[in-house]
Amino acid sequence: MDAVTLDRISKYLEIASATLEFFSEDIHGLLAAHSERVLCVVEDLARAKAALAVSPVEAQWYLSRARAKMGSPADG
């Protein structure tokens, strides 16, 4: 495998990890308190996954955005 393929696999696993981390929380509580935040995180995770087909750098940017929103509920 070449470095680009390994980088994409690594990013894919990071996205999967972030998705698992986010949805292992009480999703009903998240939706009740921060539904807009949940939708923003989900959109960024989906965009990160889609961006893998084009650019691992773009995928990382969306993943970083999602992680920032996951860590700061007040920013919703």
PDB file of N, CA and C in Angstrom:
ATOM      1  N   MET A   1       0.843  -1.192   0.000  1.00  0.00           N
ATOM      2  CA  MET A   1       0.000   0.000   0.000  1.00  0.00           C
ATOM      3  C   MET A   1       0.880   1.245   0.000  1.00  0.00           C
ATOM      4  N   ASP A   2       0.393   2.247  -0.693  1.00  0.00           N
ATOM      5  CA  ASP A   2       1.148   3.491  -0.728  1.00  0.00           C
ATOM      6  C   ASP A   2       0.718   4.420   0.412  1.00  0.00           C
ATOM      7  N   ALA A   3       1.431   5.502   0.587  1.00  0.00           N
ATOM      8  CA  ALA A   3       1.184   6.424   1.697  1.00  0.00           C
ATOM      9  C   ALA A   3      -0.188   7.093   1.613  1.00  0.00           C
ATOM     10  N   VAL A   4      -0.642   7.406   0.418  1.00  0.00           N
ATOM     11  CA  VAL A   4      -1.951   8.057   0.253  1.00  0.00           C
ATOM     12  C   VAL A   4      -3.070   7.121   0.708  1.00  0.00           C
ATOM     13  N   THR A   5      -2.975   5.861   0.324  1.00  0.00           N
ATOM     14  CA  THR A   5      -3.987   4.883   0.730  1.00  0.00           C
ATOM     15  C   THR A   5      -3.992   4.714   2.243  1.00  0.00           C
ATOM     16  N   LEU A   6      -2.820   4.610   2.831  1.00  0.00           N
ATOM     17  CA  LEU A   6      -2.729   4.476   4.283  1.00  0.00           C
ATOM     18  C   LEU A   6      -3.285   5.698   4.995  1.00  0.00           C
ATOM     19  N   ASP A   7      -3.037   6.881   4.436  1.00  0.00           N
ATOM     20  CA  ASP A   7      -3.571   8.114   5.031  1.00  0.00           C
ATOM     21  C   ASP A   7      -5.089   8.112   4.977  1.00  0.00           C
ATOM     22  N   ARG A   8      -5.656   7.677   3.871  1.00  0.00           N
ATOM     23  CA  ARG A   8      -7.123   7.634   3.745  1.00  0.00           C
ATOM     24  C   ARG A   8      -7.733   6.616   4.700  1.00  0.00           C
ATOM     25  N   ILE A   9      -7.088   5.470   4.843  1.00  0.00           N
ATOM     26  CA  ILE A   9      -7.583   4.464   5.789  1.00  0.00           C
ATOM     27  C   ILE A   9      -7.523   5.016   7.205  1.00  0.00           C
ATOM     28  N   SER A  10      -6.439   5.695   7.524  1.00  0.00           N
ATOM     29  CA  SER A  10      -6.285   6.303   8.853  1.00  0.00           C
ATOM     30  C   SER A  10      -7.381   7.327   9.121  1.00  0.00           C
ATOM     31  N   LYS A  11      -7.652   8.180   8.144  1.00  0.00           N
ATOM     32  CA  LYS A  11      -8.706   9.191   8.291  1.00  0.00           C
ATOM     33  C   LYS A  11     -10.074   8.525   8.438  1.00  0.00           C
ATOM     34  N   TYR A  12     -10.309   7.460   7.669  1.00  0.00           N
ATOM     35  CA  TYR A  12     -11.576   6.740   7.755  1.00  0.00           C
ATOM     36  C   TYR A  12     -11.787   6.198   9.170  1.00  0.00           C
ATOM     37  N   LEU A  13     -10.736   5.628   9.735  1.00  0.00           N
ATOM     38  CA  LEU A  13     -10.824   5.103  11.095  1.00  0.00           C
ATOM     39  C   LEU A  13     -11.031   6.216  12.119  1.00  0.00           C
ATOM     40  N   GLU A  14     -10.411   7.366  11.898  1.00  0.00           N
ATOM     41  CA  GLU A  14     -10.629   8.508  12.798  1.00  0.00           C
ATOM     42  C   GLU A  14     -12.082   8.973  12.749  1.00  0.00           C
ATOM     43  N   ILE A  15     -12.644   9.025  11.553  1.00  0.00           N
ATOM     44  CA  ILE A  15     -14.048   9.423  11.401  1.00  0.00           C
ATOM     45  C   ILE A  15     -14.956   8.403  12.086  1.00  0.00           C
ATOM     46  N   ALA A  16     -14.669   7.132  11.883  1.00  0.00           N
ATOM     47  CA  ALA A  16     -15.460   6.075  12.525  1.00  0.00           C
ATOM     48  C   ALA A  16     -15.370   6.179  14.045  1.00  0.00           C
ATOM     49  N   SER A  17     -14.190   6.446  14.546  1.00  0.00           N
ATOM     50  CA  SER A  17     -13.988   6.583  15.988  1.00  0.00           C
ATOM     51  C   SER A  17     -14.782   7.767  16.545  1.00  0.00           C
ATOM     52  N   ALA A  18     -14.736   8.897  15.850  1.00  0.00           N
ATOM     53  CA  ALA A  18     -15.470  10.083  16.297  1.00  0.00           C
ATOM     54  C   ALA A  18     -16.976   9.822  16.272  1.00  0.00           C
ATOM     55  N   THR A  19     -17.438   9.118  15.240  1.00  0.00           N
ATOM     56  CA  THR A  19     -18.854   8.789  15.137  1.00  0.00           C
ATOM     57  C   THR A  19     -19.291   7.895  16.292  1.00  0.00           C
ATOM     58  N   LEU A  20     -18.498   6.884  16.567  1.00  0.00           N
ATOM     59  CA  LEU A  20     -18.796   5.983  17.679  1.00  0.00           C
ATOM     60  C   LEU A  20     -18.788   6.732  19.007  1.00  0.00           C
ATOM     61  N   GLU A  21     -17.786   7.574  19.192  1.00  0.00           N
ATOM     62  CA  GLU A  21     -17.675   8.364  20.428  1.00  0.00           C
ATOM     63  C   GLU A  21     -18.907   9.246  20.622  1.00  0.00           C
ATOM     64  N   PHE A  22     -19.327   9.931  19.560  1.00  0.00           N
ATOM     65  CA  PHE A  22     -20.447  10.854  19.655  1.00  0.00           C
ATOM     66  C   PHE A  22     -21.753  10.126  19.937  1.00  0.00           C
ATOM     67  N   PHE A  23     -21.994   9.024  19.229  1.00  0.00           N
ATOM     68  CA  PHE A  23     -23.268   8.331  19.375  1.00  0.00           C
ATOM     69  C   PHE A  23     -23.292   7.345  20.525  1.00  0.00           C
ATOM     70  N   SER A  24     -22.186   7.210  21.236  1.00  0.00           N
ATOM     71  CA  SER A  24     -22.219   6.370  22.434  1.00  0.00           C
ATOM     72  C   SER A  24     -22.747   7.164  23.623  1.00  0.00           C
ATOM     73  N   GLU A  25     -22.877   8.482  23.456  1.00  0.00           N
ATOM     74  CA  GLU A  25     -23.501   9.310  24.477  1.00  0.00           C
ATOM     75  C   GLU A  25     -25.008   9.059  24.444  1.00  0.00           C
ATOM     76  N   ASP A  26     -25.708   9.612  25.395  1.00  0.00           N
ATOM     77  CA  ASP A  26     -27.164   9.512  25.417  1.00  0.00           C
ATOM     78  C   ASP A  26     -27.724  10.412  24.314  1.00  0.00           C
ATOM     79  N   ILE A  27     -28.006   9.822  23.163  1.00  0.00           N
ATOM     80  CA  ILE A  27     -28.442  10.604  22.010  1.00  0.00           C
ATOM     81  C   ILE A  27     -29.774  11.304  22.266  1.00  0.00           C
ATOM     82  N   HIS A  28     -30.645  10.688  23.048  1.00  0.00           N
ATOM     83  CA  HIS A  28     -31.929  11.334  23.342  1.00  0.00           C
ATOM     84  C   HIS A  28     -31.701  12.607  24.146  1.00  0.00           C
ATOM     85  N   GLY A  29     -30.784  12.536  25.099  1.00  0.00           N
ATOM     86  CA  GLY A  29     -30.442  13.725  25.880  1.00  0.00           C
ATOM     87  C   GLY A  29     -29.791  14.797  25.023  1.00  0.00           C
ATOM     88  N   LEU A  30     -28.903  14.368  24.128  1.00  0.00           N
ATOM     89  CA  LEU A  30     -28.253  15.320  23.225  1.00  0.00           C
ATOM     90  C   LEU A  30     -29.275  16.017  22.336  1.00  0.00           C
ATOM     91  N   LEU A  31     -30.169  15.227  21.760  1.00  0.00           N
ATOM     92  CA  LEU A  31     -31.177  15.809  20.874  1.00  0.00           C
ATOM     93  C   LEU A  31     -32.114  16.754  21.613  1.00  0.00           C
ATOM     94  N   ALA A  32     -32.474  16.392  22.822  1.00  0.00           N
ATOM     95  CA  ALA A  32     -33.381  17.239  23.596  1.00  0.00           C
ATOM     96  C   ALA A  32     -32.719  18.570  23.958  1.00  0.00           C
ATOM     97  N   ALA A  33     -31.464  18.525  24.323  1.00  0.00           N
ATOM     98  CA  ALA A  33     -30.790  19.726  24.795  1.00  0.00           C
ATOM     99  C   ALA A  33     -30.094  20.499  23.676  1.00  0.00           C
ATOM    100  N   HIS A  34     -29.607  19.786  22.663  1.00  0.00           N
ATOM    101  CA  HIS A  34     -28.746  20.430  21.659  1.00  0.00           C
ATOM    102  C   HIS A  34     -29.009  19.869  20.260  1.00  0.00           C
ATOM    103  N   SER A  35     -30.246  19.856  19.814  1.00  0.00           N
ATOM    104  CA  SER A  35     -30.565  19.229  18.532  1.00  0.00           C
ATOM    105  C   SER A  35     -29.816  19.878  17.369  1.00  0.00           C
ATOM    106  N   GLU A  36     -29.661  21.180  17.390  1.00  0.00           N
ATOM    107  CA  GLU A  36     -28.935  21.873  16.319  1.00  0.00           C
ATOM    108  C   GLU A  36     -27.473  21.432  16.293  1.00  0.00           C
ATOM    109  N   ARG A  37     -26.874  21.299  17.463  1.00  0.00           N
ATOM    110  CA  ARG A  37     -25.481  20.850  17.575  1.00  0.00           C
ATOM    111  C   ARG A  37     -25.333  19.435  17.019  1.00  0.00           C
ATOM    112  N   VAL A  38     -26.264  18.548  17.358  1.00  0.00           N
ATOM    113  CA  VAL A  38     -26.214  17.177  16.870  1.00  0.00           C
ATOM    114  C   VAL A  38     -26.243  17.164  15.347  1.00  0.00           C
ATOM    115  N   LEU A  39     -27.146  17.927  14.759  1.00  0.00           N
ATOM    116  CA  LEU A  39     -27.240  17.974  13.300  1.00  0.00           C
ATOM    117  C   LEU A  39     -25.958  18.521  12.678  1.00  0.00           C
ATOM    118  N   CYS A  40     -25.352  19.516  13.281  1.00  0.00           N
ATOM    119  CA  CYS A  40     -24.102  20.079  12.766  1.00  0.00           C
ATOM    120  C   CYS A  40     -22.969  19.060  12.829  1.00  0.00           C
ATOM    121  N   VAL A  41     -22.878  18.335  13.924  1.00  0.00           N
ATOM    122  CA  VAL A  41     -21.840  17.307  14.065  1.00  0.00           C
ATOM    123  C   VAL A  41     -22.055  16.206  13.036  1.00  0.00           C
ATOM    124  N   VAL A  42     -23.285  15.751  12.891  1.00  0.00           N
ATOM    125  CA  VAL A  42     -23.593  14.687  11.937  1.00  0.00           C
ATOM    126  C   VAL A  42     -23.253  15.138  10.518  1.00  0.00           C
ATOM    127  N   GLU A  43     -23.595  16.362  10.169  1.00  0.00           N
ATOM    128  CA  GLU A  43     -23.266  16.877   8.840  1.00  0.00           C
ATOM    129  C   GLU A  43     -21.760  16.911   8.619  1.00  0.00           C
ATOM    130  N   ASP A  44     -21.014  17.383   9.605  1.00  0.00           N
ATOM    131  CA  ASP A  44     -19.555  17.451   9.453  1.00  0.00           C
ATOM    132  C   ASP A  44     -18.932  16.060   9.351  1.00  0.00           C
ATOM    133  N   LEU A  45     -19.430  15.099  10.121  1.00  0.00           N
ATOM    134  CA  LEU A  45     -18.913  13.729  10.023  1.00  0.00           C
ATOM    135  C   LEU A  45     -19.225  13.131   8.649  1.00  0.00           C
ATOM    136  N   ALA A  46     -20.422  13.364   8.145  1.00  0.00           N
ATOM    137  CA  ALA A  46     -20.788  12.866   6.817  1.00  0.00           C
ATOM    138  C   ALA A  46     -19.945  13.529   5.736  1.00  0.00           C
ATOM    139  N   ARG A  47     -19.715  14.814   5.862  1.00  0.00           N
ATOM    140  CA  ARG A  47     -18.877  15.524   4.880  1.00  0.00           C
ATOM    141  C   ARG A  47     -17.436  15.044   4.941  1.00  0.00           C
ATOM    142  N   ALA A  48     -16.961  14.750   6.137  1.00  0.00           N
ATOM    143  CA  ALA A  48     -15.591  14.238   6.284  1.00  0.00           C
ATOM    144  C   ALA A  48     -15.467  12.902   5.552  1.00  0.00           C
ATOM    145  N   LYS A  49     -16.450  12.032   5.743  1.00  0.00           N
ATOM    146  CA  LYS A  49     -16.406  10.728   5.075  1.00  0.00           C
ATOM    147  C   LYS A  49     -16.473  10.892   3.564  1.00  0.00           C
ATOM    148  N   ALA A  50     -17.345  11.741   3.079  1.00  0.00           N
ATOM    149  CA  ALA A  50     -17.468  11.972   1.636  1.00  0.00           C
ATOM    150  C   ALA A  50     -16.199  12.595   1.055  1.00  0.00           C
ATOM    151  N   ALA A  51     -15.565  13.466   1.812  1.00  0.00           N
ATOM    152  CA  ALA A  51     -14.355  14.140   1.337  1.00  0.00           C
ATOM    153  C   ALA A  51     -13.182  13.189   1.174  1.00  0.00           C
ATOM    154  N   LEU A  52     -13.216  12.056   1.829  1.00  0.00           N
ATOM    155  CA  LEU A  52     -12.124  11.085   1.693  1.00  0.00           C
ATOM    156  C   LEU A  52     -11.903  10.673   0.244  1.00  0.00           C
ATOM    157  N   ALA A  53     -12.949  10.649  -0.543  1.00  0.00           N
ATOM    158  CA  ALA A  53     -12.831  10.257  -1.941  1.00  0.00           C
ATOM    159  C   ALA A  53     -12.043  11.272  -2.757  1.00  0.00           C
ATOM    160  N   VAL A  54     -11.981  12.501  -2.251  1.00  0.00           N
ATOM    161  CA  VAL A  54     -11.334  13.579  -2.990  1.00  0.00           C
ATOM    162  C   VAL A  54     -10.041  14.044  -2.330  1.00  0.00           C
ATOM    163  N   SER A  55     -10.123  14.285  -1.019  1.00  0.00           N
ATOM    164  CA  SER A  55      -8.986  14.912  -0.343  1.00  0.00           C
ATOM    165  C   SER A  55      -8.949  14.553   1.143  1.00  0.00           C
ATOM    166  N   PRO A  56      -7.921  13.818   1.562  1.00  0.00           N
ATOM    167  CA  PRO A  56      -7.779  13.534   2.991  1.00  0.00           C
ATOM    168  C   PRO A  56      -7.615  14.813   3.829  1.00  0.00           C
ATOM    169  N   VAL A  57      -7.053  15.840   3.243  1.00  0.00           N
ATOM    170  CA  VAL A  57      -6.887  17.112   3.963  1.00  0.00           C
ATOM    171  C   VAL A  57      -8.239  17.736   4.258  1.00  0.00           C
ATOM    172  N   GLU A  58      -9.114  17.726   3.268  1.00  0.00           N
ATOM    173  CA  GLU A  58     -10.472  18.251   3.469  1.00  0.00           C
ATOM    174  C   GLU A  58     -11.230  17.394   4.476  1.00  0.00           C
ATOM    175  N   ALA A  59     -11.052  16.082   4.389  1.00  0.00           N
ATOM    176  CA  ALA A  59     -11.699  15.177   5.341  1.00  0.00           C
ATOM    177  C   ALA A  59     -11.250  15.503   6.758  1.00  0.00           C
ATOM    178  N   GLN A  60      -9.954  15.743   6.936  1.00  0.00           N
ATOM    179  CA  GLN A  60      -9.428  16.087   8.257  1.00  0.00           C
ATOM    180  C   GLN A  60     -10.012  17.400   8.750  1.00  0.00           C
ATOM    181  N   TRP A  61     -10.208  18.353   7.858  1.00  0.00           N
ATOM    182  CA  TRP A  61     -10.774  19.651   8.240  1.00  0.00           C
ATOM    183  C   TRP A  61     -12.196  19.472   8.781  1.00  0.00           C
ATOM    184  N   TYR A  62     -13.019  18.698   8.058  1.00  0.00           N
ATOM    185  CA  TYR A  62     -14.383  18.453   8.526  1.00  0.00           C
ATOM    186  C   TYR A  62     -14.386  17.666   9.832  1.00  0.00           C
ATOM    187  N   LEU A  63     -13.487  16.699   9.953  1.00  0.00           N
ATOM    188  CA  LEU A  63     -13.400  15.930  11.181  1.00  0.00           C
ATOM    189  C   LEU A  63     -13.015  16.822  12.356  1.00  0.00           C
ATOM    190  N   SER A  64     -12.065  17.704  12.146  1.00  0.00           N
ATOM    191  CA  SER A  64     -11.661  18.637  13.209  1.00  0.00           C
ATOM    192  C   SER A  64     -12.826  19.536  13.616  1.00  0.00           C
ATOM    193  N   ARG A  65     -13.589  19.983  12.638  1.00  0.00           N
ATOM    194  CA  ARG A  65     -14.772  20.806  12.923  1.00  0.00           C
ATOM    195  C   ARG A  65     -15.785  20.041  13.746  1.00  0.00           C
ATOM    196  N   ALA A  66     -16.024  18.791  13.374  1.00  0.00           N
ATOM    197  CA  ALA A  66     -16.980  17.955  14.111  1.00  0.00           C
ATOM    198  C   ALA A  66     -16.503  17.736  15.538  1.00  0.00           C
ATOM    199  N   ARG A  67     -15.225  17.419  15.699  1.00  0.00           N
ATOM    200  CA  ARG A  67     -14.689  17.187  17.045  1.00  0.00           C
ATOM    201  C   ARG A  67     -14.779  18.442  17.903  1.00  0.00           C
ATOM    202  N   ALA A  68     -14.549  19.598  17.326  1.00  0.00           N
ATOM    203  CA  ALA A  68     -14.670  20.854  18.083  1.00  0.00           C
ATOM    204  C   ALA A  68     -16.102  21.056  18.562  1.00  0.00           C
ATOM    205  N   LYS A  69     -17.061  20.755  17.699  1.00  0.00           N
ATOM    206  CA  LYS A  69     -18.462  20.893  18.081  1.00  0.00           C
ATOM    207  C   LYS A  69     -18.870  19.840  19.100  1.00  0.00           C
ATOM    208  N   MET A  70     -18.278  18.650  19.023  1.00  0.00           N
ATOM    209  CA  MET A  70     -18.577  17.596  19.971  1.00  0.00           C
ATOM    210  C   MET A  70     -18.100  17.980  21.372  1.00  0.00           C
ATOM    211  N   GLY A  71     -17.016  18.727  21.433  1.00  0.00           N
ATOM    212  CA  GLY A  71     -16.448  19.084  22.714  1.00  0.00           C
ATOM    213  C   GLY A  71     -16.996  20.355  23.331  1.00  0.00           C
ATOM    214  N   SER A  72     -17.828  21.069  22.570  1.00  0.00           N
ATOM    215  CA  SER A  72     -18.308  22.347  23.090  1.00  0.00           C
ATOM    216  C   SER A  72     -19.806  22.501  22.844  1.00  0.00           C
ATOM    217  N   PRO A  73     -20.635  21.949  23.730  1.00  0.00           N
ATOM    218  CA  PRO A  73     -22.081  22.010  23.535  1.00  0.00           C
ATOM    219  C   PRO A  73     -22.637  23.416  23.493  1.00  0.00           C
ATOM    220  N   ALA A  74     -22.011  24.373  24.132  1.00  0.00           N
ATOM    221  CA  ALA A  74     -22.525  25.744  24.156  1.00  0.00           C
ATOM    222  C   ALA A  74     -22.386  26.428  22.809  1.00  0.00           C
ATOM    223  N   ASP A  75     -21.481  25.926  21.935  1.00  0.00           N
ATOM    224  CA  ASP A  75     -21.256  26.566  20.639  1.00  0.00           C
ATOM    225  C   ASP A  75     -22.316  26.215  19.600  1.00  0.00           C
ATOM    226  N   GLY A  76     -23.056  25.049  19.839  1.00  0.00           N
ATOM    227  CA  GLY A  76     -24.123  24.578  18.987  1.00  0.00           C
ATOM    228  C   GLY A  76     -24.185  25.204  17.691  1.00  0.00           C
TER     229      GLY A  76
END
